[in-house]
Amino acid sequence: MSRPRQILAMGGGGFSMEAGNALLDDYVLSLTSSERPRVCFLPTASGDADHYIVRFYRAFSAGRCEPSHVSLFRRDGGAADLANHLLAQDVVYVGGGSVISLLGAWNAHGIDVMLRAAWEAGVVMTGLSAGSLCWFSHGITAFHGEPKAVRGLGLLPWSNAVHYDEEGRRSAFRDGVATGELPPGYASCNSAALHFVGSDLARVVSSREKARAYRVSPGGPDTPIAEEELSCDFLGALPEPALVA
């Protein structure tokens, strides 16, 4: 039986931002049909930072899943056959950092094509920050300074903004959609995640009760932008975690 195409795009959160709060990461694992999911981490956007990889293995221990990672900046950091390795996963988890550097490296290695094939085969795609922006047609990044528009892989036909709690990103995203530089899309604050099945938004979930997400589209003559707050399901009752950069 074929698996649905799924993407969980986090505005910010998961093991690298919310120590001690595994609600979003647990939700990712719940989207698979495996009792011991195979999870591959792609830390490309951080330049394959060693500390990031270590934190991934601590969060996704061998006791509850089969973790692996692919490093493009280390001689010994990848599977022998990347395409088949990615296709064999239940989850591909993309870390945060520079989405511009991430997309450039993926394109050079053909990983953009491999990821599309894995997604179409039903491997759950997820990630935060750059690991959210990458799945969309367009996004807003502020990693290298002032917020600016970038093109993503286009698995989802919408635009995306992450860390929407930050005013600079919010205004840049709204302006981009209002002027047509960006297509209509979705924005999520830290600790909120957008769950897509196919290209349709199926659910919004969060690891903190106050986290929010929005649908943003062009408005009318009197209102250049329409920003609709989306219903968001809080995944648990843990105390709100402290966010770390």
C-alpha atoms as a PDB file:
ATOM      1  CA  MET A   1       0.000   0.000   0.000  1.00  0.00           C
ATOM      2  CA  SER A   2       1.498   3.350  -1.039  1.00  0.00           C
ATOM      3  CA  ARG A   3       2.377   5.888   1.618  1.00  0.00           C
ATOM      4  CA  PRO A   4       1.036   9.451   1.431  1.00  0.00           C
ATOM      5  CA  ARG A   5       3.372  12.328   0.640  1.00  0.00           C
ATOM      6  CA  GLN A   6       3.880  14.217   3.904  1.00  0.00           C
ATOM      7  CA  ILE A   7       5.857  17.255   5.039  1.00  0.00           C
ATOM      8  CA  LEU A   8       6.018  18.680   8.560  1.00  0.00           C
ATOM      9  CA  ALA A   9       7.451  22.196   8.293  1.00  0.00           C
ATOM     10  CA  MET A  10       8.482  23.660  11.667  1.00  0.00           C
ATOM     11  CA  GLY A  11       8.792  27.408  12.155  1.00  0.00           C
ATOM     12  CA  GLY A  12      11.278  26.642  14.912  1.00  0.00           C
ATOM     13  CA  GLY A  13      11.506  23.944  17.567  1.00  0.00           C
ATOM     14  CA  GLY A  14      12.396  20.289  17.791  1.00  0.00           C
ATOM     15  CA  PHE A  15      15.470  18.849  19.450  1.00  0.00           C
ATOM     16  CA  SER A  16      17.808  21.686  18.438  1.00  0.00           C
ATOM     17  CA  MET A  17      15.697  24.509  19.893  1.00  0.00           C
ATOM     18  CA  GLU A  18      13.578  22.997  22.660  1.00  0.00           C
ATOM     19  CA  ALA A  19      15.700  20.898  24.964  1.00  0.00           C
ATOM     20  CA  GLY A  20      13.511  18.613  27.040  1.00  0.00           C
ATOM     21  CA  ASN A  21      10.427  19.072  24.858  1.00  0.00           C
ATOM     22  CA  ALA A  22      10.143  16.294  22.292  1.00  0.00           C
ATOM     23  CA  LEU A  23       6.533  16.968  21.281  1.00  0.00           C
ATOM     24  CA  LEU A  24       7.215  18.003  17.685  1.00  0.00           C
ATOM     25  CA  ASP A  25       9.840  15.305  17.153  1.00  0.00           C
ATOM     26  CA  ASP A  26       7.501  12.672  18.594  1.00  0.00           C
ATOM     27  CA  TYR A  27       4.770  13.892  16.265  1.00  0.00           C
ATOM     28  CA  VAL A  28       7.087  13.403  13.300  1.00  0.00           C
ATOM     29  CA  LEU A  29       7.721   9.796  14.295  1.00  0.00           C
ATOM     30  CA  SER A  30       3.984   9.220  14.730  1.00  0.00           C
ATOM     31  CA  LEU A  31       3.443  10.049  11.038  1.00  0.00           C
ATOM     32  CA  THR A  32       5.244   6.876  10.014  1.00  0.00           C
ATOM     33  CA  SER A  33       3.824   3.359  10.084  1.00  0.00           C
ATOM     34  CA  SER A  34       6.960   1.918  11.657  1.00  0.00           C
ATOM     35  CA  GLU A  35       7.415   0.890  15.296  1.00  0.00           C
ATOM     36  CA  ARG A  36      11.122   1.759  14.958  1.00  0.00           C
ATOM     37  CA  PRO A  37      11.329   4.418  12.235  1.00  0.00           C
ATOM     38  CA  ARG A  38      14.452   4.999  10.194  1.00  0.00           C
ATOM     39  CA  VAL A  39      15.355   8.679  10.536  1.00  0.00           C
ATOM     40  CA  CYS A  40      18.069  10.349   8.475  1.00  0.00           C
ATOM     41  CA  PHE A  41      19.374  13.765   9.532  1.00  0.00           C
ATOM     42  CA  LEU A  42      20.640  16.255   6.955  1.00  0.00           C
ATOM     43  CA  PRO A  43      22.650  18.968   8.771  1.00  0.00           C
ATOM     44  CA  THR A  44      23.737  20.625   5.504  1.00  0.00           C
ATOM     45  CA  ALA A  45      22.449  24.110   6.368  1.00  0.00           C
ATOM     46  CA  SER A  46      24.786  24.255   9.393  1.00  0.00           C
ATOM     47  CA  GLY A  47      27.818  23.138   7.378  1.00  0.00           C
ATOM     48  CA  ASP A  48      27.396  19.703   9.009  1.00  0.00           C
ATOM     49  CA  ALA A  49      28.256  21.098  12.440  1.00  0.00           C
ATOM     50  CA  ASP A  50      29.521  18.313  14.697  1.00  0.00           C
ATOM     51  CA  HIS A  51      27.582  19.498  17.762  1.00  0.00           C
ATOM     52  CA  TYR A  52      24.350  19.468  15.751  1.00  0.00           C
ATOM     53  CA  ILE A  53      24.893  15.876  14.666  1.00  0.00           C
ATOM     54  CA  VAL A  54      25.660  14.831  18.246  1.00  0.00           C
ATOM     55  CA  ARG A  55      22.428  16.440  19.481  1.00  0.00           C
ATOM     56  CA  PHE A  56      20.481  14.618  16.783  1.00  0.00           C
ATOM     57  CA  TYR A  57      21.769  11.214  17.894  1.00  0.00           C
ATOM     58  CA  ARG A  58      21.000  12.046  21.515  1.00  0.00           C
ATOM     59  CA  ALA A  59      17.412  12.970  20.623  1.00  0.00           C
ATOM     60  CA  PHE A  60      16.818  10.117  18.183  1.00  0.00           C
ATOM     61  CA  SER A  61      18.521   7.333  20.075  1.00  0.00           C
ATOM     62  CA  ALA A  62      18.750   3.815  18.732  1.00  0.00           C
ATOM     63  CA  GLY A  63      16.275   2.734  21.394  1.00  0.00           C
ATOM     64  CA  ARG A  64      13.315   4.335  19.676  1.00  0.00           C
ATOM     65  CA  CYS A  65      14.384   4.600  16.027  1.00  0.00           C
ATOM     66  CA  GLU A  66      17.182   3.823  13.579  1.00  0.00           C
ATOM     67  CA  PRO A  67      19.087   7.102  13.249  1.00  0.00           C
ATOM     68  CA  SER A  68      21.576   8.027  10.550  1.00  0.00           C
ATOM     69  CA  HIS A  69      22.941  11.186   8.991  1.00  0.00           C
ATOM     70  CA  VAL A  70      24.390  12.359   5.710  1.00  0.00           C
ATOM     71  CA  SER A  71      27.245  14.854   5.770  1.00  0.00           C
ATOM     72  CA  LEU A  72      28.291  16.569   2.551  1.00  0.00           C
ATOM     73  CA  PHE A  73      31.272  18.323   4.132  1.00  0.00           C
ATOM     74  CA  ARG A  74      33.020  15.259   5.587  1.00  0.00           C
ATOM     75  CA  ARG A  75      34.747  12.438   3.731  1.00  0.00           C
ATOM     76  CA  ASP A  76      33.153   9.769   5.907  1.00  0.00           C
ATOM     77  CA  GLY A  77      29.747  11.372   6.457  1.00  0.00           C
ATOM     78  CA  GLY A  78      27.526   9.805   3.834  1.00  0.00           C
ATOM     79  CA  ALA A  79      25.995   6.561   2.698  1.00  0.00           C
ATOM     80  CA  ALA A  80      27.611   4.809  -0.234  1.00  0.00           C
ATOM     81  CA  ASP A  81      24.416   5.158  -2.265  1.00  0.00           C
ATOM     82  CA  LEU A  82      22.669   8.355  -1.168  1.00  0.00           C
ATOM     83  CA  ALA A  83      19.588   7.927  -3.358  1.00  0.00           C
ATOM     84  CA  ASN A  84      18.804   4.446  -2.059  1.00  0.00           C
ATOM     85  CA  HIS A  85      19.614   5.458   1.510  1.00  0.00           C
ATOM     86  CA  LEU A  86      17.129   8.330   1.420  1.00  0.00           C
ATOM     87  CA  LEU A  87      14.480   6.158  -0.227  1.00  0.00           C
ATOM     88  CA  ALA A  88      14.905   3.563   2.542  1.00  0.00           C
ATOM     89  CA  GLN A  89      14.066   6.055   5.310  1.00  0.00           C
ATOM     90  CA  ASP A  90      10.787   6.663   7.106  1.00  0.00           C
ATOM     91  CA  VAL A  91      11.765  10.266   7.931  1.00  0.00           C
ATOM     92  CA  VAL A  92      14.248  12.758   6.502  1.00  0.00           C
ATOM     93  CA  TYR A  93      14.944  15.498   9.057  1.00  0.00           C
ATOM     94  CA  VAL A  94      16.608  18.698   7.800  1.00  0.00           C
ATOM     95  CA  GLY A  95      18.361  20.957  10.280  1.00  0.00           C
ATOM     96  CA  GLY A  96      18.460  24.737  10.462  1.00  0.00           C
ATOM     97  CA  GLY A  97      21.050  27.200   9.239  1.00  0.00           C
ATOM     98  CA  SER A  98      21.543  28.816   5.841  1.00  0.00           C
ATOM     99  CA  VAL A  99      18.888  27.743   3.346  1.00  0.00           C
ATOM    100  CA  ILE A 100      20.890  29.356   0.526  1.00  0.00           C
ATOM    101  CA  SER A 101      23.966  27.232   1.328  1.00  0.00           C
ATOM    102  CA  LEU A 102      21.782  24.170   1.833  1.00  0.00           C
ATOM    103  CA  LEU A 103      20.096  24.424  -1.559  1.00  0.00           C
ATOM    104  CA  GLY A 104      23.390  25.100  -3.320  1.00  0.00           C
ATOM    105  CA  ALA A 105      25.042  22.028  -1.808  1.00  0.00           C
ATOM    106  CA  TRP A 106      22.028  19.824  -2.478  1.00  0.00           C
ATOM    107  CA  ASN A 107      21.883  20.924  -6.092  1.00  0.00           C
ATOM    108  CA  ALA A 108      25.597  20.226  -6.569  1.00  0.00           C
ATOM    109  CA  HIS A 109      25.205  16.678  -5.236  1.00  0.00           C
ATOM    110  CA  GLY A 110      21.824  15.943  -6.834  1.00  0.00           C
ATOM    111  CA  ILE A 111      20.183  15.573  -3.445  1.00  0.00           C
ATOM    112  CA  ASP A 112      17.346  17.888  -4.467  1.00  0.00           C
ATOM    113  CA  VAL A 113      16.252  15.281  -7.031  1.00  0.00           C
ATOM    114  CA  MET A 114      16.759  12.425  -4.544  1.00  0.00           C
ATOM    115  CA  LEU A 115      14.609  14.131  -1.918  1.00  0.00           C
ATOM    116  CA  ARG A 116      11.764  14.694  -4.343  1.00  0.00           C
ATOM    117  CA  ALA A 117      11.836  10.996  -5.248  1.00  0.00           C
ATOM    118  CA  ALA A 118      11.846  10.017  -1.564  1.00  0.00           C
ATOM    119  CA  TRP A 119       8.941  12.356  -0.787  1.00  0.00           C
ATOM    120  CA  GLU A 120       6.939  10.989  -3.719  1.00  0.00           C
ATOM    121  CA  ALA A 121       7.622   7.484  -2.372  1.00  0.00           C
ATOM    122  CA  GLY A 122       6.115   8.433   1.009  1.00  0.00           C
ATOM    123  CA  VAL A 123       9.177   9.263   3.112  1.00  0.00           C
ATOM    124  CA  VAL A 124       8.104  11.915   5.644  1.00  0.00           C
ATOM    125  CA  MET A 125      10.031  15.165   5.121  1.00  0.00           C
ATOM    126  CA  THR A 126      10.543  17.472   8.072  1.00  0.00           C
ATOM    127  CA  GLY A 127      12.788  20.169   9.446  1.00  0.00           C
ATOM    128  CA  LEU A 128      12.945  23.544  11.118  1.00  0.00           C
ATOM    129  CA  SER A 129      13.909  26.994   9.900  1.00  0.00           C
ATOM    130  CA  ALA A 130      15.979  26.337   6.735  1.00  0.00           C
ATOM    131  CA  GLY A 131      14.673  22.778   7.007  1.00  0.00           C
ATOM    132  CA  SER A 132      11.165  24.190   6.620  1.00  0.00           C
ATOM    133  CA  LEU A 133      11.804  26.820   3.948  1.00  0.00           C
ATOM    134  CA  CYS A 134      13.469  24.320   1.613  1.00  0.00           C
ATOM    135  CA  TRP A 135      10.285  22.379   0.813  1.00  0.00           C
ATOM    136  CA  PHE A 136       8.327  25.359  -0.500  1.00  0.00           C
ATOM    137  CA  SER A 137       8.263  27.212  -3.801  1.00  0.00           C
ATOM    138  CA  HIS A 138       9.599  30.365  -2.136  1.00  0.00           C
ATOM    139  CA  GLY A 139      10.512  31.572   1.310  1.00  0.00           C
ATOM    140  CA  ILE A 140      11.929  34.421   3.345  1.00  0.00           C
ATOM    141  CA  THR A 141      15.385  33.971   4.877  1.00  0.00           C
ATOM    142  CA  ALA A 142      17.207  36.319   7.233  1.00  0.00           C
ATOM    143  CA  PHE A 143      20.243  34.125   7.929  1.00  0.00           C
ATOM    144  CA  HIS A 144      22.656  36.348   6.021  1.00  0.00           C
ATOM    145  CA  GLY A 145      21.253  39.722   7.130  1.00  0.00           C
ATOM    146  CA  GLU A 146      18.099  41.529   6.109  1.00  0.00           C
ATOM    147  CA  PRO A 147      15.155  39.274   5.193  1.00  0.00           C
ATOM    148  CA  LYS A 148      15.011  38.415   1.497  1.00  0.00           C
ATOM    149  CA  ALA A 149      13.133  36.075  -0.796  1.00  0.00           C
ATOM    150  CA  VAL A 150      14.632  32.761  -1.922  1.00  0.00           C
ATOM    151  CA  ARG A 151      13.456  29.900  -4.106  1.00  0.00           C
ATOM    152  CA  GLY A 152      13.007  26.485  -2.533  1.00  0.00           C
ATOM    153  CA  LEU A 153      12.670  22.964  -3.926  1.00  0.00           C
ATOM    154  CA  GLY A 154       9.032  23.537  -4.846  1.00  0.00           C
ATOM    155  CA  LEU A 155       7.632  20.322  -3.396  1.00  0.00           C
ATOM    156  CA  LEU A 156       4.921  22.580  -2.000  1.00  0.00           C
ATOM    157  CA  PRO A 157       3.565  25.332  -4.299  1.00  0.00           C
ATOM    158  CA  TRP A 158       3.280  27.890  -1.499  1.00  0.00           C
ATOM    159  CA  SER A 159       5.629  30.428   0.069  1.00  0.00           C
ATOM    160  CA  ASN A 160       6.854  30.052   3.642  1.00  0.00           C
ATOM    161  CA  ALA A 161       8.116  32.149   6.523  1.00  0.00           C
ATOM    162  CA  VAL A 162       9.659  30.777   9.713  1.00  0.00           C
ATOM    163  CA  HIS A 163      10.402  32.335  13.113  1.00  0.00           C
ATOM    164  CA  TYR A 164       7.360  34.477  12.399  1.00  0.00           C
ATOM    165  CA  ASP A 165       7.558  35.885  15.916  1.00  0.00           C
ATOM    166  CA  GLU A 166      10.307  38.161  14.583  1.00  0.00           C
ATOM    167  CA  GLU A 167       8.916  41.422  13.245  1.00  0.00           C
ATOM    168  CA  GLY A 168      11.452  41.803  10.423  1.00  0.00           C
ATOM    169  CA  ARG A 169      10.562  38.451   8.909  1.00  0.00           C
ATOM    170  CA  ARG A 170       6.859  39.063   9.309  1.00  0.00           C
ATOM    171  CA  SER A 171       6.845  42.416   7.527  1.00  0.00           C
ATOM    172  CA  ALA A 172       9.107  41.151   4.724  1.00  0.00           C
ATOM    173  CA  PHE A 173       6.882  38.131   4.135  1.00  0.00           C
ATOM    174  CA  ARG A 174       3.688  40.188   4.144  1.00  0.00           C
ATOM    175  CA  ASP A 175       5.223  42.718   1.743  1.00  0.00           C
ATOM    176  CA  GLY A 176       6.435  39.971  -0.584  1.00  0.00           C
ATOM    177  CA  VAL A 177       3.012  38.341  -0.798  1.00  0.00           C
ATOM    178  CA  ALA A 178       1.245  41.703  -1.168  1.00  0.00           C
ATOM    179  CA  THR A 179       3.449  42.755  -4.107  1.00  0.00           C
ATOM    180  CA  GLY A 180       3.402  39.358  -5.811  1.00  0.00           C
ATOM    181  CA  GLU A 181       7.113  38.728  -5.315  1.00  0.00           C
ATOM    182  CA  LEU A 182       6.028  35.697  -3.279  1.00  0.00           C
ATOM    183  CA  PRO A 183       3.044  33.429  -3.943  1.00  0.00           C
ATOM    184  CA  PRO A 184       0.424  33.046  -1.198  1.00  0.00           C
ATOM    185  CA  GLY A 185       1.668  30.871   1.616  1.00  0.00           C
ATOM    186  CA  TYR A 186       2.039  29.955   5.240  1.00  0.00           C
ATOM    187  CA  ALA A 187       3.967  31.348   8.173  1.00  0.00           C
ATOM    188  CA  SER A 188       4.746  29.687  11.478  1.00  0.00           C
ATOM    189  CA  CYS A 189       6.146  30.969  14.734  1.00  0.00           C
ATOM    190  CA  ASN A 190       8.679  29.111  16.855  1.00  0.00           C
ATOM    191  CA  SER A 191       7.221  25.847  18.228  1.00  0.00           C
ATOM    192  CA  ALA A 192       4.495  25.661  15.560  1.00  0.00           C
ATOM    193  CA  ALA A 193       4.537  23.219  12.649  1.00  0.00           C
ATOM    194  CA  LEU A 194       2.566  22.882   9.426  1.00  0.00           C
ATOM    195  CA  HIS A 195       1.587  19.333   8.458  1.00  0.00           C
ATOM    196  CA  PHE A 196       0.986  18.904   4.732  1.00  0.00           C
ATOM    197  CA  VAL A 197      -0.428  15.828   3.053  1.00  0.00           C
ATOM    198  CA  GLY A 198       0.255  16.142  -0.641  1.00  0.00           C
ATOM    199  CA  SER A 199       0.216  19.884  -1.239  1.00  0.00           C
ATOM    200  CA  ASP A 200      -2.679  20.518   1.158  1.00  0.00           C
ATOM    201  CA  LEU A 201      -2.361  21.729   4.731  1.00  0.00           C
ATOM    202  CA  ALA A 202      -3.878  18.965   6.864  1.00  0.00           C
ATOM    203  CA  ARG A 203      -3.128  20.181  10.396  1.00  0.00           C
ATOM    204  CA  VAL A 204      -1.186  22.726  12.435  1.00  0.00           C
ATOM    205  CA  VAL A 205       0.441  21.478  15.645  1.00  0.00           C
ATOM    206  CA  SER A 206       2.573  23.057  18.337  1.00  0.00           C
ATOM    207  CA  SER A 207       4.827  22.197  21.250  1.00  0.00           C
ATOM    208  CA  ARG A 208       3.831  25.351  23.147  1.00  0.00           C
ATOM    209  CA  GLU A 209       0.309  26.537  23.790  1.00  0.00           C
ATOM    210  CA  LYS A 210       0.978  30.093  22.613  1.00  0.00           C
ATOM    211  CA  ALA A 211       2.617  29.163  19.307  1.00  0.00           C
ATOM    212  CA  ARG A 212       0.795  30.415  16.224  1.00  0.00           C
ATOM    213  CA  ALA A 213       0.683  29.880  12.466  1.00  0.00           C
ATOM    214  CA  TYR A 214      -0.937  31.864   9.660  1.00  0.00           C
ATOM    215  CA  ARG A 215      -2.153  31.688   6.088  1.00  0.00           C
ATOM    216  CA  VAL A 216      -1.025  34.790   4.183  1.00  0.00           C
ATOM    217  CA  SER A 217      -2.495  35.868   0.844  1.00  0.00           C
ATOM    218  CA  PRO A 218      -3.037  39.059  -1.160  1.00  0.00           C
ATOM    219  CA  GLY A 219      -5.918  41.204   0.048  1.00  0.00           C
ATOM    220  CA  GLY A 220      -8.248  43.584  -1.737  1.00  0.00           C
ATOM    221  CA  PRO A 221      -8.027  47.224  -2.744  1.00  0.00           C
ATOM    222  CA  ASP A 222      -8.441  48.476   0.818  1.00  0.00           C
ATOM    223  CA  THR A 223      -6.338  45.776   2.516  1.00  0.00           C
ATOM    224  CA  PRO A 224      -3.185  44.776   0.604  1.00  0.00           C
ATOM    225  CA  ILE A 225      -2.613  41.624   2.654  1.00  0.00           C
ATOM    226  CA  ALA A 226      -4.839  39.017   4.283  1.00  0.00           C
ATOM    227  CA  GLU A 227      -3.344  37.218   7.276  1.00  0.00           C
ATOM    228  CA  GLU A 228      -5.517  34.467   8.735  1.00  0.00           C
ATOM    229  CA  GLU A 229      -4.560  32.842  12.035  1.00  0.00           C
ATOM    230  CA  LEU A 230      -4.889  29.068  11.741  1.00  0.00           C
ATOM    231  CA  SER A 231      -6.332  26.678  14.286  1.00  0.00           C
ATOM    232  CA  CYS A 232      -3.404  25.058  16.086  1.00  0.00           C
ATOM    233  CA  ASP A 233      -3.451  21.825  18.113  1.00  0.00           C
ATOM    234  CA  PHE A 234      -1.200  21.874  21.180  1.00  0.00           C
ATOM    235  CA  LEU A 235       0.440  18.454  21.415  1.00  0.00           C
ATOM    236  CA  GLY A 236       0.875  18.193  25.149  1.00  0.00           C
ATOM    237  CA  ALA A 237       0.797  19.735  28.559  1.00  0.00           C
ATOM    238  CA  LEU A 238       4.502  20.224  29.245  1.00  0.00           C
ATOM    239  CA  PRO A 239       5.750  23.513  30.728  1.00  0.00           C
ATOM    240  CA  GLU A 240       6.816  25.908  28.006  1.00  0.00           C
ATOM    241  CA  PRO A 241      10.494  25.225  27.180  1.00  0.00           C
ATOM    242  CA  ALA A 242      13.185  27.820  26.921  1.00  0.00           C
ATOM    243  CA  LEU A 243      14.131  28.401  23.282  1.00  0.00           C
ATOM    244  CA  VAL A 244      17.804  28.364  22.399  1.00  0.00           C
ATOM    245  CA  ALA A 245      19.434  29.722  19.276  1.00  0.00           C
END
